[in-house]
Amino acid sequence: MNANWMKVFIAAFFEVFWVIGLKHANDFWTWTGTVISIIISFYLMIMAGRKLPVGTVYAVFVGLGTAGTIFSEILFFEEPFKIGKILLILFLLAGVIGLKLVTKDEVQEGDEV
């Protein structure tokens, strides 16, 4: 996996934190962590989007962030476990993985290899 896709995955990881933070933040420190997560998440996604197709980057970012948020809510915040929800998340992840697999990493003139 190249560094640009790693940026997308790390950005999605931080997306989970800021989405949860938007719901559960209630003091200065939790809001600070939420804002920092937003900045890191979008910075990495924008940097990856400079080298990879933006539509695919965004779809992978949102798909992984959504799946991570749903699983985090189930594991840490007592969201009810529903098999239908899990199956739909698995379909979403299959689509995200499929997008990543069919997207070519194009090196543009002047880019570092």
PDB file of N, CA and C in Angstrom:
ATOM      1  N   MET A   1       0.847  -1.172   0.000  1.00  0.00           N
ATOM      2  CA  MET A   1       0.000   0.000   0.000  1.00  0.00           C
ATOM      3  C   MET A   1       0.895   1.239   0.000  1.00  0.00           C
ATOM      4  N   ASN A   2       0.557   2.200  -0.849  1.00  0.00           N
ATOM      5  CA  ASN A   2       1.423   3.368  -0.892  1.00  0.00           C
ATOM      6  C   ASN A   2       1.044   4.386   0.188  1.00  0.00           C
ATOM      7  N   ALA A   3       1.876   5.379   0.343  1.00  0.00           N
ATOM      8  CA  ALA A   3       1.727   6.360   1.416  1.00  0.00           C
ATOM      9  C   ALA A   3       0.436   7.165   1.293  1.00  0.00           C
ATOM     10  N   ASN A   4      -0.021   7.403   0.075  1.00  0.00           N
ATOM     11  CA  ASN A   4      -1.244   8.185  -0.080  1.00  0.00           C
ATOM     12  C   ASN A   4      -2.474   7.433   0.424  1.00  0.00           C
ATOM     13  N   TRP A   5      -2.532   6.134   0.169  1.00  0.00           N
ATOM     14  CA  TRP A   5      -3.652   5.359   0.708  1.00  0.00           C
ATOM     15  C   TRP A   5      -3.539   5.253   2.226  1.00  0.00           C
ATOM     16  N   MET A   6      -2.342   5.202   2.744  1.00  0.00           N
ATOM     17  CA  MET A   6      -2.164   5.171   4.196  1.00  0.00           C
ATOM     18  C   MET A   6      -2.724   6.464   4.806  1.00  0.00           C
ATOM     19  N   LYS A   7      -2.512   7.595   4.117  1.00  0.00           N
ATOM     20  CA  LYS A   7      -3.073   8.861   4.590  1.00  0.00           C
ATOM     21  C   LYS A   7      -4.596   8.788   4.657  1.00  0.00           C
ATOM     22  N   VAL A   8      -5.218   8.166   3.666  1.00  0.00           N
ATOM     23  CA  VAL A   8      -6.678   8.035   3.663  1.00  0.00           C
ATOM     24  C   VAL A   8      -7.137   7.204   4.857  1.00  0.00           C
ATOM     25  N   PHE A   9      -6.460   6.094   5.122  1.00  0.00           N
ATOM     26  CA  PHE A   9      -6.855   5.229   6.237  1.00  0.00           C
ATOM     27  C   PHE A   9      -6.652   5.918   7.585  1.00  0.00           C
ATOM     28  N   ILE A  10      -5.568   6.642   7.735  1.00  0.00           N
ATOM     29  CA  ILE A  10      -5.334   7.376   8.985  1.00  0.00           C
ATOM     30  C   ILE A  10      -6.361   8.502   9.129  1.00  0.00           C
ATOM     31  N   ALA A  11      -6.685   9.168   8.023  1.00  0.00           N
ATOM     32  CA  ALA A  11      -7.705  10.220   8.050  1.00  0.00           C
ATOM     33  C   ALA A  11      -9.052   9.652   8.492  1.00  0.00           C
ATOM     34  N   ALA A  12      -9.402   8.476   7.993  1.00  0.00           N
ATOM     35  CA  ALA A  12     -10.664   7.838   8.389  1.00  0.00           C
ATOM     36  C   ALA A  12     -10.640   7.449   9.862  1.00  0.00           C
ATOM     37  N   PHE A  13      -9.481   7.024  10.355  1.00  0.00           N
ATOM     38  CA  PHE A  13      -9.330   6.696  11.777  1.00  0.00           C
ATOM     39  C   PHE A  13      -9.632   7.924  12.632  1.00  0.00           C
ATOM     40  N   PHE A  14      -9.077   9.074  12.248  1.00  0.00           N
ATOM     41  CA  PHE A  14      -9.334  10.302  12.992  1.00  0.00           C
ATOM     42  C   PHE A  14     -10.762  10.799  12.795  1.00  0.00           C
ATOM     43  N   GLU A  15     -11.363  10.448  11.660  1.00  0.00           N
ATOM     44  CA  GLU A  15     -12.765  10.814  11.449  1.00  0.00           C
ATOM     45  C   GLU A  15     -13.648  10.184  12.513  1.00  0.00           C
ATOM     46  N   VAL A  16     -13.363   8.951  12.858  1.00  0.00           N
ATOM     47  CA  VAL A  16     -14.145   8.276  13.896  1.00  0.00           C
ATOM     48  C   VAL A  16     -14.085   9.085  15.198  1.00  0.00           C
ATOM     49  N   PHE A  17     -12.904   9.575  15.557  1.00  0.00           N
ATOM     50  CA  PHE A  17     -12.766  10.344  16.799  1.00  0.00           C
ATOM     51  C   PHE A  17     -13.556  11.642  16.754  1.00  0.00           C
ATOM     52  N   TRP A  18     -13.486  12.360  15.619  1.00  0.00           N
ATOM     53  CA  TRP A  18     -14.190  13.635  15.627  1.00  0.00           C
ATOM     54  C   TRP A  18     -15.692  13.471  15.515  1.00  0.00           C
ATOM     55  N   VAL A  19     -16.159  12.436  14.838  1.00  0.00           N
ATOM     56  CA  VAL A  19     -17.608  12.205  14.783  1.00  0.00           C
ATOM     57  C   VAL A  19     -18.135  11.851  16.170  1.00  0.00           C
ATOM     58  N   ILE A  20     -17.434  10.989  16.868  1.00  0.00           N
ATOM     59  CA  ILE A  20     -17.832  10.655  18.240  1.00  0.00           C
ATOM     60  C   ILE A  20     -17.724  11.889  19.126  1.00  0.00           C
ATOM     61  N   GLY A  21     -16.664  12.679  18.913  1.00  0.00           N
ATOM     62  CA  GLY A  21     -16.495  13.905  19.691  1.00  0.00           C
ATOM     63  C   GLY A  21     -17.631  14.884  19.493  1.00  0.00           C
ATOM     64  N   LEU A  22     -18.146  15.006  18.269  1.00  0.00           N
ATOM     65  CA  LEU A  22     -19.261  15.915  18.031  1.00  0.00           C
ATOM     66  C   LEU A  22     -20.494  15.527  18.844  1.00  0.00           C
ATOM     67  N   LYS A  23     -20.649  14.242  19.099  1.00  0.00           N
ATOM     68  CA  LYS A  23     -21.803  13.780  19.866  1.00  0.00           C
ATOM     69  C   LYS A  23     -21.549  13.821  21.373  1.00  0.00           C
ATOM     70  N   HIS A  24     -20.329  13.486  21.790  1.00  0.00           N
ATOM     71  CA  HIS A  24     -20.088  13.268  23.218  1.00  0.00           C
ATOM     72  C   HIS A  24     -19.223  14.323  23.902  1.00  0.00           C
ATOM     73  N   ALA A  25     -18.637  15.249  23.175  1.00  0.00           N
ATOM     74  CA  ALA A  25     -17.771  16.259  23.804  1.00  0.00           C
ATOM     75  C   ALA A  25     -18.606  17.171  24.701  1.00  0.00           C
ATOM     76  N   ASN A  26     -18.069  17.446  25.900  1.00  0.00           N
ATOM     77  CA  ASN A  26     -18.838  18.264  26.837  1.00  0.00           C
ATOM     78  C   ASN A  26     -17.976  19.206  27.676  1.00  0.00           C
ATOM     79  N   ASP A  27     -16.687  19.262  27.392  1.00  0.00           N
ATOM     80  CA  ASP A  27     -15.830  20.202  28.117  1.00  0.00           C
ATOM     81  C   ASP A  27     -14.710  20.673  27.197  1.00  0.00           C
ATOM     82  N   PHE A  28     -13.857  21.531  27.699  1.00  0.00           N
ATOM     83  CA  PHE A  28     -12.795  22.127  26.887  1.00  0.00           C
ATOM     84  C   PHE A  28     -11.895  21.073  26.256  1.00  0.00           C
ATOM     85  N   TRP A  29     -11.471  20.087  27.038  1.00  0.00           N
ATOM     86  CA  TRP A  29     -10.495  19.104  26.538  1.00  0.00           C
ATOM     87  C   TRP A  29     -11.088  18.173  25.497  1.00  0.00           C
ATOM     88  N   THR A  30     -12.343  17.750  25.687  1.00  0.00           N
ATOM     89  CA  THR A  30     -12.938  16.863  24.677  1.00  0.00           C
ATOM     90  C   THR A  30     -13.228  17.628  23.392  1.00  0.00           C
ATOM     91  N   TRP A  31     -13.606  18.914  23.507  1.00  0.00           N
ATOM     92  CA  TRP A  31     -13.798  19.721  22.302  1.00  0.00           C
ATOM     93  C   TRP A  31     -12.468  20.003  21.611  1.00  0.00           C
ATOM     94  N   THR A  32     -11.416  20.196  22.391  1.00  0.00           N
ATOM     95  CA  THR A  32     -10.088  20.408  21.811  1.00  0.00           C
ATOM     96  C   THR A  32      -9.650  19.174  21.030  1.00  0.00           C
ATOM     97  N   GLY A  33      -9.843  17.998  21.618  1.00  0.00           N
ATOM     98  CA  GLY A  33      -9.513  16.751  20.925  1.00  0.00           C
ATOM     99  C   GLY A  33     -10.328  16.566  19.652  1.00  0.00           C
ATOM    100  N   THR A  34     -11.589  16.964  19.700  1.00  0.00           N
ATOM    101  CA  THR A  34     -12.448  16.869  18.524  1.00  0.00           C
ATOM    102  C   THR A  34     -11.943  17.770  17.402  1.00  0.00           C
ATOM    103  N   VAL A  35     -11.603  19.008  17.742  1.00  0.00           N
ATOM    104  CA  VAL A  35     -11.104  19.956  16.735  1.00  0.00           C
ATOM    105  C   VAL A  35      -9.774  19.478  16.152  1.00  0.00           C
ATOM    106  N   ILE A  36      -8.890  18.988  16.999  1.00  0.00           N
ATOM    107  CA  ILE A  36      -7.599  18.467  16.513  1.00  0.00           C
ATOM    108  C   ILE A  36      -7.826  17.283  15.574  1.00  0.00           C
ATOM    109  N   SER A  37      -8.764  16.409  15.915  1.00  0.00           N
ATOM    110  CA  SER A  37      -9.074  15.262  15.055  1.00  0.00           C
ATOM    111  C   SER A  37      -9.629  15.702  13.713  1.00  0.00           C
ATOM    112  N   ILE A  38     -10.463  16.745  13.712  1.00  0.00           N
ATOM    113  CA  ILE A  38     -10.997  17.276  12.455  1.00  0.00           C
ATOM    114  C   ILE A  38      -9.859  17.794  11.578  1.00  0.00           C
ATOM    115  N   ILE A  39      -8.962  18.553  12.185  1.00  0.00           N
ATOM    116  CA  ILE A  39      -7.851  19.140  11.422  1.00  0.00           C
ATOM    117  C   ILE A  39      -6.965  18.046  10.833  1.00  0.00           C
ATOM    118  N   ILE A  40      -6.581  17.078  11.638  1.00  0.00           N
ATOM    119  CA  ILE A  40      -5.723  15.985  11.158  1.00  0.00           C
ATOM    120  C   ILE A  40      -6.433  15.200  10.056  1.00  0.00           C
ATOM    121  N   SER A  41      -7.689  14.866  10.289  1.00  0.00           N
ATOM    122  CA  SER A  41      -8.452  14.061   9.349  1.00  0.00           C
ATOM    123  C   SER A  41      -8.553  14.729   7.977  1.00  0.00           C
ATOM    124  N   PHE A  42      -8.968  15.989   7.966  1.00  0.00           N
ATOM    125  CA  PHE A  42      -9.135  16.663   6.688  1.00  0.00           C
ATOM    126  C   PHE A  42      -7.807  16.999   6.027  1.00  0.00           C
ATOM    127  N   TYR A  43      -6.803  17.309   6.816  1.00  0.00           N
ATOM    128  CA  TYR A  43      -5.481  17.571   6.233  1.00  0.00           C
ATOM    129  C   TYR A  43      -4.979  16.335   5.477  1.00  0.00           C
ATOM    130  N   LEU A  44      -5.041  15.170   6.116  1.00  0.00           N
ATOM    131  CA  LEU A  44      -4.566  13.942   5.476  1.00  0.00           C
ATOM    132  C   LEU A  44      -5.403  13.584   4.253  1.00  0.00           C
ATOM    133  N   MET A  45      -6.728  13.790   4.343  1.00  0.00           N
ATOM    134  CA  MET A  45      -7.575  13.480   3.200  1.00  0.00           C
ATOM    135  C   MET A  45      -7.256  14.416   2.027  1.00  0.00           C
ATOM    136  N   ILE A  46      -7.048  15.683   2.299  1.00  0.00           N
ATOM    137  CA  ILE A  46      -6.712  16.634   1.238  1.00  0.00           C
ATOM    138  C   ILE A  46      -5.361  16.297   0.612  1.00  0.00           C
ATOM    139  N   MET A  47      -4.376  15.945   1.430  1.00  0.00           N
ATOM    140  CA  MET A  47      -3.058  15.582   0.905  1.00  0.00           C
ATOM    141  C   MET A  47      -3.147  14.341   0.016  1.00  0.00           C
ATOM    142  N   ALA A  48      -3.929  13.354   0.429  1.00  0.00           N
ATOM    143  CA  ALA A  48      -4.093  12.144  -0.386  1.00  0.00           C
ATOM    144  C   ALA A  48      -4.831  12.471  -1.686  1.00  0.00           C
ATOM    145  N   GLY A  49      -5.800  13.386  -1.608  1.00  0.00           N
ATOM    146  CA  GLY A  49      -6.573  13.764  -2.781  1.00  0.00           C
ATOM    147  C   GLY A  49      -5.769  14.489  -3.844  1.00  0.00           C
ATOM    148  N   ARG A  50      -4.605  14.993  -3.475  1.00  0.00           N
ATOM    149  CA  ARG A  50      -3.734  15.639  -4.466  1.00  0.00           C
ATOM    150  C   ARG A  50      -3.081  14.630  -5.395  1.00  0.00           C
ATOM    151  N   LYS A  51      -2.933  13.398  -4.945  1.00  0.00           N
ATOM    152  CA  LYS A  51      -2.259  12.366  -5.740  1.00  0.00           C
ATOM    153  C   LYS A  51      -3.205  11.273  -6.239  1.00  0.00           C
ATOM    154  N   LEU A  52      -4.316  11.064  -5.546  1.00  0.00           N
ATOM    155  CA  LEU A  52      -5.266  10.011  -5.902  1.00  0.00           C
ATOM    156  C   LEU A  52      -6.561  10.642  -6.397  1.00  0.00           C
ATOM    157  N   PRO A  53      -7.404   9.886  -7.107  1.00  0.00           N
ATOM    158  CA  PRO A  53      -8.690  10.429  -7.550  1.00  0.00           C
ATOM    159  C   PRO A  53      -9.545  10.871  -6.357  1.00  0.00           C
ATOM    160  N   VAL A  54      -9.982  12.111  -6.390  1.00  0.00           N
ATOM    161  CA  VAL A  54     -10.671  12.702  -5.251  1.00  0.00           C
ATOM    162  C   VAL A  54     -11.958  11.968  -4.906  1.00  0.00           C
ATOM    163  N   GLY A  55     -12.725  11.575  -5.903  1.00  0.00           N
ATOM    164  CA  GLY A  55     -13.977  10.870  -5.643  1.00  0.00           C
ATOM    165  C   GLY A  55     -13.758   9.558  -4.909  1.00  0.00           C
ATOM    166  N   THR A  56     -12.746   8.829  -5.309  1.00  0.00           N
ATOM    167  CA  THR A  56     -12.432   7.566  -4.648  1.00  0.00           C
ATOM    168  C   THR A  56     -11.906   7.808  -3.242  1.00  0.00           C
ATOM    169  N   VAL A  57     -11.040   8.804  -3.082  1.00  0.00           N
ATOM    170  CA  VAL A  57     -10.516   9.137  -1.754  1.00  0.00           C
ATOM    171  C   VAL A  57     -11.664   9.459  -0.811  1.00  0.00           C
ATOM    172  N   TYR A  58     -12.587  10.296  -1.270  1.00  0.00           N
ATOM    173  CA  TYR A  58     -13.700  10.694  -0.413  1.00  0.00           C
ATOM    174  C   TYR A  58     -14.597   9.509  -0.077  1.00  0.00           C
ATOM    175  N   ALA A  59     -14.884   8.660  -1.062  1.00  0.00           N
ATOM    176  CA  ALA A  59     -15.735   7.492  -0.818  1.00  0.00           C
ATOM    177  C   ALA A  59     -15.093   6.538   0.188  1.00  0.00           C
ATOM    178  N   VAL A  60     -13.803   6.297   0.043  1.00  0.00           N
ATOM    179  CA  VAL A  60     -13.098   5.414   0.979  1.00  0.00           C
ATOM    180  C   VAL A  60     -13.062   6.054   2.374  1.00  0.00           C
ATOM    181  N   PHE A  61     -12.756   7.338   2.438  1.00  0.00           N
ATOM    182  CA  PHE A  61     -12.706   8.079   3.703  1.00  0.00           C
ATOM    183  C   PHE A  61     -14.042   7.986   4.437  1.00  0.00           C
ATOM    184  N   VAL A  62     -15.121   8.290   3.751  1.00  0.00           N
ATOM    185  CA  VAL A  62     -16.436   8.290   4.387  1.00  0.00           C
ATOM    186  C   VAL A  62     -16.876   6.870   4.740  1.00  0.00           C
ATOM    187  N   GLY A  63     -16.627   5.919   3.851  1.00  0.00           N
ATOM    188  CA  GLY A  63     -17.022   4.538   4.119  1.00  0.00           C
ATOM    189  C   GLY A  63     -16.320   3.961   5.336  1.00  0.00           C
ATOM    190  N   LEU A  64     -15.005   4.137   5.395  1.00  0.00           N
ATOM    191  CA  LEU A  64     -14.264   3.622   6.548  1.00  0.00           C
ATOM    192  C   LEU A  64     -14.634   4.374   7.826  1.00  0.00           C
ATOM    193  N   GLY A  65     -14.826   5.679   7.713  1.00  0.00           N
ATOM    194  CA  GLY A  65     -15.231   6.462   8.879  1.00  0.00           C
ATOM    195  C   GLY A  65     -16.588   6.046   9.407  1.00  0.00           C
ATOM    196  N   THR A  66     -17.520   5.792   8.491  1.00  0.00           N
ATOM    197  CA  THR A  66     -18.857   5.347   8.891  1.00  0.00           C
ATOM    198  C   THR A  66     -18.791   3.995   9.580  1.00  0.00           C
ATOM    199  N   ALA A  67     -18.082   3.065   8.990  1.00  0.00           N
ATOM    200  CA  ALA A  67     -17.954   1.729   9.590  1.00  0.00           C
ATOM    201  C   ALA A  67     -17.289   1.824  10.960  1.00  0.00           C
ATOM    202  N   GLY A  68     -16.212   2.586  11.055  1.00  0.00           N
ATOM    203  CA  GLY A  68     -15.520   2.734  12.333  1.00  0.00           C
ATOM    204  C   GLY A  68     -16.388   3.376  13.393  1.00  0.00           C
ATOM    205  N   THR A  69     -17.175   4.359  13.004  1.00  0.00           N
ATOM    206  CA  THR A  69     -18.055   5.027  13.958  1.00  0.00           C
ATOM    207  C   THR A  69     -19.141   4.081  14.456  1.00  0.00           C
ATOM    208  N   ILE A  70     -19.739   3.324  13.555  1.00  0.00           N
ATOM    209  CA  ILE A  70     -20.785   2.368  13.955  1.00  0.00           C
ATOM    210  C   ILE A  70     -20.215   1.329  14.912  1.00  0.00           C
ATOM    211  N   PHE A  71     -19.058   0.752  14.578  1.00  0.00           N
ATOM    212  CA  PHE A  71     -18.459  -0.253  15.452  1.00  0.00           C
ATOM    213  C   PHE A  71     -18.048   0.346  16.794  1.00  0.00           C
ATOM    214  N   SER A  72     -17.553   1.556  16.806  1.00  0.00           N
ATOM    215  CA  SER A  72     -17.179   2.215  18.059  1.00  0.00           C
ATOM    216  C   SER A  72     -18.396   2.472  18.941  1.00  0.00           C
ATOM    217  N   GLU A  73     -19.482   2.911  18.315  1.00  0.00           N
ATOM    218  CA  GLU A  73     -20.709   3.145  19.080  1.00  0.00           C
ATOM    219  C   GLU A  73     -21.209   1.848  19.709  1.00  0.00           C
ATOM    220  N   ILE A  74     -21.114   0.741  18.986  1.00  0.00           N
ATOM    221  CA  ILE A  74     -21.549  -0.549  19.523  1.00  0.00           C
ATOM    222  C   ILE A  74     -20.632  -0.987  20.657  1.00  0.00           C
ATOM    223  N   LEU A  75     -19.317  -0.867  20.453  1.00  0.00           N
ATOM    224  CA  LEU A  75     -18.358  -1.345  21.448  1.00  0.00           C
ATOM    225  C   LEU A  75     -18.265  -0.471  22.699  1.00  0.00           C
ATOM    226  N   PHE A  76     -18.314   0.843  22.528  1.00  0.00           N
ATOM    227  CA  PHE A  76     -18.012   1.734  23.645  1.00  0.00           C
ATOM    228  C   PHE A  76     -19.199   2.521  24.193  1.00  0.00           C
ATOM    229  N   PHE A  77     -20.274   2.631  23.441  1.00  0.00           N
ATOM    230  CA  PHE A  77     -21.370   3.500  23.869  1.00  0.00           C
ATOM    231  C   PHE A  77     -22.720   2.792  23.914  1.00  0.00           C
ATOM    232  N   GLU A  78     -22.700   1.480  23.997  1.00  0.00           N
ATOM    233  CA  GLU A  78     -23.885   0.651  24.220  1.00  0.00           C
ATOM    234  C   GLU A  78     -24.973   0.821  23.157  1.00  0.00           C
ATOM    235  N   GLU A  79     -24.551   1.112  21.939  1.00  0.00           N
ATOM    236  CA  GLU A  79     -25.496   1.128  20.819  1.00  0.00           C
ATOM    237  C   GLU A  79     -25.957  -0.312  20.601  1.00  0.00           C
ATOM    238  N   PRO A  80     -27.247  -0.546  20.363  1.00  0.00           N
ATOM    239  CA  PRO A  80     -27.710  -1.927  20.186  1.00  0.00           C
ATOM    240  C   PRO A  80     -27.056  -2.611  18.980  1.00  0.00           C
ATOM    241  N   PHE A  81     -26.681  -3.864  19.152  1.00  0.00           N
ATOM    242  CA  PHE A  81     -26.099  -4.676  18.085  1.00  0.00           C
ATOM    243  C   PHE A  81     -27.242  -5.236  17.252  1.00  0.00           C
ATOM    244  N   LYS A  82     -27.240  -4.907  15.976  1.00  0.00           N
ATOM    245  CA  LYS A  82     -28.264  -5.432  15.064  1.00  0.00           C
ATOM    246  C   LYS A  82     -27.554  -6.070  13.882  1.00  0.00           C
ATOM    247  N   ILE A  83     -27.905  -7.302  13.599  1.00  0.00           N
ATOM    248  CA  ILE A  83     -27.241  -8.051  12.542  1.00  0.00           C
ATOM    249  C   ILE A  83     -27.429  -7.366  11.184  1.00  0.00           C
ATOM    250  N   GLY A  84     -28.589  -6.788  10.958  1.00  0.00           N
ATOM    251  CA  GLY A  84     -28.828  -6.089   9.695  1.00  0.00           C
ATOM    252  C   GLY A  84     -27.871  -4.925   9.509  1.00  0.00           C
ATOM    253  N   LYS A  85     -27.617  -4.184  10.581  1.00  0.00           N
ATOM    254  CA  LYS A  85     -26.694  -3.054  10.521  1.00  0.00           C
ATOM    255  C   LYS A  85     -25.281  -3.532  10.201  1.00  0.00           C
ATOM    256  N   ILE A  86     -24.876  -4.633  10.821  1.00  0.00           N
ATOM    257  CA  ILE A  86     -23.538  -5.179  10.586  1.00  0.00           C
ATOM    258  C   ILE A  86     -23.404  -5.663   9.143  1.00  0.00           C
ATOM    259  N   LEU A  87     -24.422  -6.335   8.630  1.00  0.00           N
ATOM    260  CA  LEU A  87     -24.375  -6.805   7.241  1.00  0.00           C
ATOM    261  C   LEU A  87     -24.279  -5.627   6.266  1.00  0.00           C
ATOM    262  N   LEU A  88     -25.013  -4.567   6.526  1.00  0.00           N
ATOM    263  CA  LEU A  88     -24.941  -3.403   5.649  1.00  0.00           C
ATOM    264  C   LEU A  88     -23.568  -2.728   5.722  1.00  0.00           C
ATOM    265  N   ILE A  89     -22.974  -2.685   6.900  1.00  0.00           N
ATOM    266  CA  ILE A  89     -21.622  -2.133   7.040  1.00  0.00           C
ATOM    267  C   ILE A  89     -20.624  -3.004   6.274  1.00  0.00           C
ATOM    268  N   LEU A  90     -20.795  -4.319   6.328  1.00  0.00           N
ATOM    269  CA  LEU A  90     -19.906  -5.208   5.583  1.00  0.00           C
ATOM    270  C   LEU A  90     -20.041  -4.989   4.075  1.00  0.00           C
ATOM    271  N   PHE A  91     -21.260  -4.757   3.588  1.00  0.00           N
ATOM    272  CA  PHE A  91     -21.448  -4.420   2.178  1.00  0.00           C
ATOM    273  C   PHE A  91     -20.761  -3.101   1.843  1.00  0.00           C
ATOM    274  N   LEU A  92     -20.886  -2.140   2.737  1.00  0.00           N
ATOM    275  CA  LEU A  92     -20.227  -0.846   2.540  1.00  0.00           C
ATOM    276  C   LEU A  92     -18.714  -1.026   2.450  1.00  0.00           C
ATOM    277  N   LEU A  93     -18.150  -1.800   3.365  1.00  0.00           N
ATOM    278  CA  LEU A  93     -16.709  -2.039   3.352  1.00  0.00           C
ATOM    279  C   LEU A  93     -16.274  -2.789   2.103  1.00  0.00           C
ATOM    280  N   ALA A  94     -17.104  -3.718   1.632  1.00  0.00           N
ATOM    281  CA  ALA A  94     -16.778  -4.422   0.389  1.00  0.00           C
ATOM    282  C   ALA A  94     -16.718  -3.434  -0.777  1.00  0.00           C
ATOM    283  N   GLY A  95     -17.621  -2.484  -0.810  1.00  0.00           N
ATOM    284  CA  GLY A  95     -17.592  -1.467  -1.850  1.00  0.00           C
ATOM    285  C   GLY A  95     -16.367  -0.578  -1.751  1.00  0.00           C
ATOM    286  N   VAL A  96     -16.000  -0.209  -0.538  1.00  0.00           N
ATOM    287  CA  VAL A  96     -14.817   0.629  -0.315  1.00  0.00           C
ATOM    288  C   VAL A  96     -13.558  -0.103  -0.764  1.00  0.00           C
ATOM    289  N   ILE A  97     -13.443  -1.362  -0.380  1.00  0.00           N
ATOM    290  CA  ILE A  97     -12.283  -2.156  -0.780  1.00  0.00           C
ATOM    291  C   ILE A  97     -12.256  -2.313  -2.299  1.00  0.00           C
ATOM    292  N   GLY A  98     -13.428  -2.537  -2.898  1.00  0.00           N
ATOM    293  CA  GLY A  98     -13.504  -2.653  -4.354  1.00  0.00           C
ATOM    294  C   GLY A  98     -13.056  -1.375  -5.049  1.00  0.00           C
ATOM    295  N   LEU A  99     -13.481  -0.217  -4.550  1.00  0.00           N
ATOM    296  CA  LEU A  99     -13.037   1.049  -5.123  1.00  0.00           C
ATOM    297  C   LEU A  99     -11.532   1.198  -5.045  1.00  0.00           C
ATOM    298  N   LYS A 100     -10.970   0.838  -3.907  1.00  0.00           N
ATOM    299  CA  LYS A 100      -9.527   0.959  -3.734  1.00  0.00           C
ATOM    300  C   LYS A 100      -8.792   0.044  -4.704  1.00  0.00           C
ATOM    301  N   LEU A 101      -9.313  -1.159  -4.883  1.00  0.00           N
ATOM    302  CA  LEU A 101      -8.640  -2.127  -5.755  1.00  0.00           C
ATOM    303  C   LEU A 101      -8.688  -1.739  -7.225  1.00  0.00           C
ATOM    304  N   VAL A 102      -9.755  -1.084  -7.668  1.00  0.00           N
ATOM    305  CA  VAL A 102      -9.864  -0.748  -9.089  1.00  0.00           C
ATOM    306  C   VAL A 102      -9.311   0.629  -9.421  1.00  0.00           C
ATOM    307  N   THR A 103      -8.874   1.375  -8.408  1.00  0.00           N
ATOM    308  CA  THR A 103      -8.324   2.708  -8.647  1.00  0.00           C
ATOM    309  C   THR A 103      -6.826   2.615  -8.847  1.00  0.00           C
ATOM    310  N   LYS A 104      -6.363   3.131  -9.979  1.00  0.00           N
ATOM    311  CA  LYS A 104      -4.934   3.121 -10.263  1.00  0.00           C
ATOM    312  C   LYS A 104      -4.272   4.312  -9.596  1.00  0.00           C
ATOM    313  N   ASP A 105      -3.098   4.091  -9.062  1.00  0.00           N
ATOM    314  CA  ASP A 105      -2.293   5.170  -8.501  1.00  0.00           C
ATOM    315  C   ASP A 105      -1.511   5.786  -9.650  1.00  0.00           C
ATOM    316  N   GLU A 106      -1.962   6.936 -10.086  1.00  0.00           N
ATOM    317  CA  GLU A 106      -1.318   7.594 -11.223  1.00  0.00           C
ATOM    318  C   GLU A 106      -0.226   8.533 -10.730  1.00  0.00           C
ATOM    319  N   VAL A 107       0.956   8.407 -11.318  1.00  0.00           N
ATOM    320  CA  VAL A 107       2.046   9.308 -10.998  1.00  0.00           C
ATOM    321  C   VAL A 107       2.029  10.400 -12.057  1.00  0.00           C
ATOM    322  N   GLN A 108       1.872  11.641 -11.594  1.00  0.00           N
ATOM    323  CA  GLN A 108       1.841  12.761 -12.517  1.00  0.00           C
ATOM    324  C   GLN A 108       3.250  13.271 -12.747  1.00  0.00           C
ATOM    325  N   GLU A 109       3.437  13.923 -13.879  1.00  0.00           N
ATOM    326  CA  GLU A 109       4.747  14.475 -14.201  1.00  0.00           C
ATOM    327  C   GLU A 109       5.179  15.443 -13.109  1.00  0.00           C
ATOM    328  N   GLY A 110       6.388  15.283 -12.624  1.00  0.00           N
ATOM    329  CA  GLY A 110       6.905  16.146 -11.571  1.00  0.00           C
ATOM    330  C   GLY A 110       6.697  15.589 -10.181  1.00  0.00           C
ATOM    331  N   ASP A 111       5.894  14.529 -10.035  1.00  0.00           N
ATOM    332  CA  ASP A 111       5.681  13.929  -8.729  1.00  0.00           C
ATOM    333  C   ASP A 111       6.833  13.044  -8.351  1.00  0.00           C
ATOM    334  N   GLU A 112       7.065  12.949  -7.048  1.00  0.00           N
ATOM    335  CA  GLU A 112       8.097  12.028  -6.563  1.00  0.00           C
ATOM    336  C   GLU A 112       7.565  10.617  -6.595  1.00  0.00           C
ATOM    337  N   VAL A 113       8.428   9.686  -6.892  1.00  0.00           N
ATOM    338  CA  VAL A 113       8.022   8.281  -6.961  1.00  0.00           C
ATOM    339  C   VAL A 113       8.337   7.609  -5.655  1.00  0.00           C
TER     340      VAL A 113
END
